[in-house]
Amino acid sequence: MELAGHPDGGLTDVPRHRLASETARLIGERRPSHILVFDPGCVTGHRDHQLATSAAQFAAGQAGVAVLG
């Protein structure tokens, strides 16, 4: 897991495309077969979790990487 310097509760200030770009960079560096994200229903209800999941799903889709929720 990598937090990329974002403070807890601070992802609402980060544009989704930037989060997706950061995730895409990690995918390119690490070449995972899958990415684990929070459940798409965001069972935690935490806005950071919702935003991180959305960005990761987008980046994984662009890279052709499977997503597990």
C-alpha atoms as a PDB file:
ATOM      1  CA  MET A   1       0.000   0.000   0.000  1.00  0.00           C
ATOM      2  CA  GLU A   2       1.205   3.499  -0.756  1.00  0.00           C
ATOM      3  CA  LEU A   3      -0.317   6.723   0.575  1.00  0.00           C
ATOM      4  CA  ALA A   4       1.675   8.990  -1.758  1.00  0.00           C
ATOM      5  CA  GLY A   5       1.919  11.707   0.856  1.00  0.00           C
ATOM      6  CA  HIS A   6      -1.820  12.371   1.008  1.00  0.00           C
ATOM      7  CA  PRO A   7      -3.087  13.055   4.536  1.00  0.00           C
ATOM      8  CA  ASP A   8      -5.930  11.018   5.960  1.00  0.00           C
ATOM      9  CA  GLY A   9      -9.160  12.734   4.989  1.00  0.00           C
ATOM     10  CA  GLY A  10      -7.409  14.851   2.359  1.00  0.00           C
ATOM     11  CA  LEU A  11      -8.314  13.094  -0.886  1.00  0.00           C
ATOM     12  CA  THR A  12     -11.334  15.309  -1.433  1.00  0.00           C
ATOM     13  CA  ASP A  13      -8.820  18.052  -2.283  1.00  0.00           C
ATOM     14  CA  VAL A  14      -7.073  15.911  -4.936  1.00  0.00           C
ATOM     15  CA  PRO A  15      -8.579  15.724  -8.445  1.00  0.00           C
ATOM     16  CA  ARG A  16      -9.647  12.205  -9.429  1.00  0.00           C
ATOM     17  CA  HIS A  17      -7.476  12.331 -12.563  1.00  0.00           C
ATOM     18  CA  ARG A  18      -4.409  12.993 -10.399  1.00  0.00           C
ATOM     19  CA  LEU A  19      -5.203  10.027  -8.146  1.00  0.00           C
ATOM     20  CA  ALA A  20      -5.732   7.852 -11.217  1.00  0.00           C
ATOM     21  CA  SER A  21      -2.448   9.074 -12.692  1.00  0.00           C
ATOM     22  CA  GLU A  22      -0.583   8.230  -9.480  1.00  0.00           C
ATOM     23  CA  THR A  23      -2.161   4.782  -9.477  1.00  0.00           C
ATOM     24  CA  ALA A  24      -1.312   4.271 -13.153  1.00  0.00           C
ATOM     25  CA  ARG A  25       2.317   5.125 -12.394  1.00  0.00           C
ATOM     26  CA  LEU A  26       2.400   2.473  -9.671  1.00  0.00           C
ATOM     27  CA  ILE A  27       0.789  -0.065 -11.975  1.00  0.00           C
ATOM     28  CA  GLY A  28       3.484   0.657 -14.570  1.00  0.00           C
ATOM     29  CA  GLU A  29       6.271   0.296 -12.019  1.00  0.00           C
ATOM     30  CA  ARG A  30       5.032  -2.791 -10.225  1.00  0.00           C
ATOM     31  CA  ARG A  31       3.064  -4.584 -12.945  1.00  0.00           C
ATOM     32  CA  PRO A  32       0.481  -6.231 -10.652  1.00  0.00           C
ATOM     33  CA  SER A  33      -1.855  -8.922 -11.922  1.00  0.00           C
ATOM     34  CA  HIS A  34      -4.635  -7.546  -9.684  1.00  0.00           C
ATOM     35  CA  ILE A  35      -5.434  -4.483  -7.612  1.00  0.00           C
ATOM     36  CA  LEU A  36      -7.297  -4.786  -4.324  1.00  0.00           C
ATOM     37  CA  VAL A  37      -9.715  -1.932  -3.624  1.00  0.00           C
ATOM     38  CA  PHE A  38     -12.458  -1.231  -1.133  1.00  0.00           C
ATOM     39  CA  ASP A  39     -15.783  -2.761  -2.068  1.00  0.00           C
ATOM     40  CA  PRO A  40     -17.430  -0.614  -4.773  1.00  0.00           C
ATOM     41  CA  GLY A  41     -20.335  -0.051  -2.356  1.00  0.00           C
ATOM     42  CA  CYS A  42     -17.744   1.525  -0.044  1.00  0.00           C
ATOM     43  CA  VAL A  43     -18.791  -0.380   3.014  1.00  0.00           C
ATOM     44  CA  THR A  44     -16.595   1.903   5.138  1.00  0.00           C
ATOM     45  CA  GLY A  45     -18.405   5.067   4.029  1.00  0.00           C
ATOM     46  CA  HIS A  46     -15.093   6.964   4.231  1.00  0.00           C
ATOM     47  CA  ARG A  47     -14.848   9.531   1.412  1.00  0.00           C
ATOM     48  CA  ASP A  48     -11.099   8.856   0.959  1.00  0.00           C
ATOM     49  CA  HIS A  49     -11.864   5.175   0.423  1.00  0.00           C
ATOM     50  CA  GLN A  50     -14.517   6.017  -2.154  1.00  0.00           C
ATOM     51  CA  LEU A  51     -12.192   8.351  -4.075  1.00  0.00           C
ATOM     52  CA  ALA A  52      -9.205   5.994  -3.942  1.00  0.00           C
ATOM     53  CA  THR A  53     -11.366   3.107  -5.141  1.00  0.00           C
ATOM     54  CA  SER A  54     -12.791   5.123  -8.017  1.00  0.00           C
ATOM     55  CA  ALA A  55      -9.349   6.278  -9.151  1.00  0.00           C
ATOM     56  CA  ALA A  56      -7.880   2.776  -8.847  1.00  0.00           C
ATOM     57  CA  GLN A  57     -10.724   1.227 -10.817  1.00  0.00           C
ATOM     58  CA  PHE A  58     -10.236   3.762 -13.596  1.00  0.00           C
ATOM     59  CA  ALA A  59      -6.447   3.317 -13.740  1.00  0.00           C
ATOM     60  CA  ALA A  60      -6.722  -0.474 -13.605  1.00  0.00           C
ATOM     61  CA  GLY A  61      -9.281  -0.454 -16.401  1.00  0.00           C
ATOM     62  CA  GLN A  62      -6.978   1.625 -18.574  1.00  0.00           C
ATOM     63  CA  ALA A  63      -4.075  -0.741 -17.857  1.00  0.00           C
ATOM     64  CA  GLY A  64      -6.093  -3.937 -18.279  1.00  0.00           C
ATOM     65  CA  VAL A  65      -5.457  -5.012 -14.678  1.00  0.00           C
ATOM     66  CA  ALA A  66      -8.099  -6.978 -12.796  1.00  0.00           C
ATOM     67  CA  VAL A  67      -9.689  -5.325  -9.764  1.00  0.00           C
ATOM     68  CA  LEU A  68     -10.790  -7.174  -6.642  1.00  0.00           C
ATOM     69  CA  GLY A  69     -13.173  -5.445  -4.250  1.00  0.00           C
END
